[in-house]
Protein backbone atom coordinates (compact mmCIF):
# COMPACT_ATOMS: atom_id res chain seq x y z
CA MET A 1 -184.21 32.56 64.00
CA ALA A 2 -183.91 33.78 67.55
CA ASP A 3 -182.35 31.59 70.24
CA ASN A 4 -185.46 31.87 72.42
CA GLN A 5 -187.93 30.67 69.76
CA HIS A 6 -188.88 27.06 69.09
CA SER A 7 -187.97 25.76 65.67
CA LEU A 8 -188.68 22.58 63.77
CA TYR A 9 -185.75 20.26 62.95
CA LEU A 10 -185.37 16.98 61.13
CA VAL A 11 -182.68 14.71 62.59
CA ALA A 12 -181.60 11.64 60.62
CA TYR A 13 -178.91 9.14 61.46
CA ASP A 14 -177.03 6.11 60.18
CA ILE A 15 -175.29 4.34 63.05
CA ALA A 16 -172.96 1.38 62.41
CA ASP A 17 -173.08 -0.29 65.85
CA PRO A 18 -176.35 -1.64 67.33
CA LYS A 19 -175.46 -0.47 70.87
CA ARG A 20 -174.77 3.08 69.68
CA LEU A 21 -177.91 2.95 67.54
CA THR A 22 -179.99 2.16 70.62
CA ARG A 23 -178.39 5.00 72.59
CA ILE A 24 -178.95 7.55 69.79
CA HIS A 25 -182.54 6.42 69.32
CA SER A 26 -183.20 6.72 73.07
CA ALA A 27 -181.65 10.19 73.27
CA LEU A 28 -183.74 11.44 70.36
CA LYS A 29 -186.93 9.79 71.56
CA LYS A 30 -186.72 11.89 74.75
CA GLN A 31 -186.71 15.10 72.69
CA GLY A 32 -188.62 14.31 69.53
CA LEU A 33 -191.01 12.19 67.57
CA PRO A 34 -189.84 9.36 65.30
CA VAL A 35 -191.28 9.66 61.79
CA GLN A 36 -189.25 6.80 60.32
CA TYR A 37 -186.78 4.27 61.75
CA SER A 38 -183.81 6.65 61.79
CA VAL A 39 -185.56 9.99 61.33
CA PHE A 40 -186.94 12.25 64.05
CA ILE A 41 -188.78 15.55 64.14
CA VAL A 42 -187.84 17.78 67.08
CA VAL A 43 -189.16 21.16 68.10
CA LEU A 44 -186.61 22.91 70.28
CA LYS A 45 -185.09 26.25 71.08
CA ARG A 46 -181.61 26.68 69.60
CA LYS A 47 -179.78 26.18 72.92
CA ALA A 48 -181.68 22.95 73.61
CA LEU A 49 -180.89 21.74 70.10
CA LEU A 50 -177.19 22.43 70.62
CA ARG A 51 -177.29 20.49 73.91
CA LEU A 52 -179.00 17.57 72.18
CA LEU A 53 -176.43 17.55 69.36
CA ALA A 54 -173.57 17.77 71.87
CA ARG A 55 -175.03 14.78 73.72
CA ILE A 56 -175.35 12.81 70.48
CA SER A 57 -171.78 13.75 69.59
CA THR A 58 -170.57 11.96 72.72
CA LEU A 59 -172.49 8.81 71.77
CA ILE A 60 -171.38 8.33 68.17
CA ASN A 61 -168.20 7.10 66.54
CA LYS A 62 -167.34 9.97 64.19
CA ARG A 63 -165.47 7.64 61.83
CA GLU A 64 -168.35 5.18 61.42
CA ASP A 65 -171.60 7.03 62.12
CA ASP A 66 -173.50 9.81 60.35
CA VAL A 67 -175.97 12.15 62.08
CA ARG A 68 -177.57 15.07 60.26
CA CYS A 69 -179.81 17.85 61.54
CA TYR A 70 -181.82 20.05 59.19
CA HIS A 71 -183.72 23.19 60.17
CA LEU A 72 -187.18 23.08 58.59
CA PRO A 73 -189.20 26.16 57.69
CA GLU A 74 -192.44 26.72 59.58
CA ASN A 75 -194.64 26.58 56.51
CA ASN A 76 -193.20 23.66 54.62
CA GLU A 77 -194.93 21.24 52.32
CA ALA A 78 -194.12 17.56 52.41
CA ASP A 79 -195.30 14.67 50.32
CA ALA A 80 -195.38 11.17 51.76
CA LEU A 81 -195.49 8.03 49.68
CA GLY A 82 -195.90 4.46 50.83
CA ARG A 83 -196.53 3.20 54.36
CA GLN A 84 -196.80 6.04 56.84
CA PHE A 85 -195.81 6.15 60.50
CA PHE A 86 -199.02 7.93 61.54
CA PRO A 87 -202.52 6.71 60.69
CA GLU A 88 -204.36 8.89 58.17
CA ASP A 89 -206.36 10.64 60.89
CA VAL A 90 -203.27 11.70 62.88
CA MET A 91 -201.22 14.75 61.88
CA LEU A 92 -198.08 16.31 63.36
CA PHE A 93 -198.06 20.10 63.25
CA THR A 94 -196.25 22.87 65.04
CA ASN A 95 -196.56 26.45 66.04
CA GLY A 96 -193.70 26.49 68.50
CA VAL A 97 -194.51 23.17 70.20
CA ASN A 98 -194.83 19.48 69.37
CA ARG A 99 -198.44 18.53 68.93
CA ILE A 100 -200.35 15.60 67.59
CA TRP A 101 -203.82 16.16 66.29
CA ILE A 102 -206.20 13.20 66.20
CA GLN A 103 -209.20 13.62 63.95
CA HIS A 104 -212.38 11.93 65.21
């Protein structure tokens, strides 16, 4: 993975304090797309990801909070069960950028 290429990441968090939770959610919402209450998909270049994680690091309490970031492969399969964030006719896909496709 080159530093100048966009990659897909899954960021999940468990924040103990409601104020910190709001700050983390706001910081991630500026960079990514929420797919569940505490789970975001972001598509960023490596340097931008490191800046985002450094910003989050200043907002959390490292003794009480848990934030995880996973690099996802480009061609990954995912199964979803239960209530979904997106309606059935909306899909998130990437080829270097965040996109939402709405089927009409």
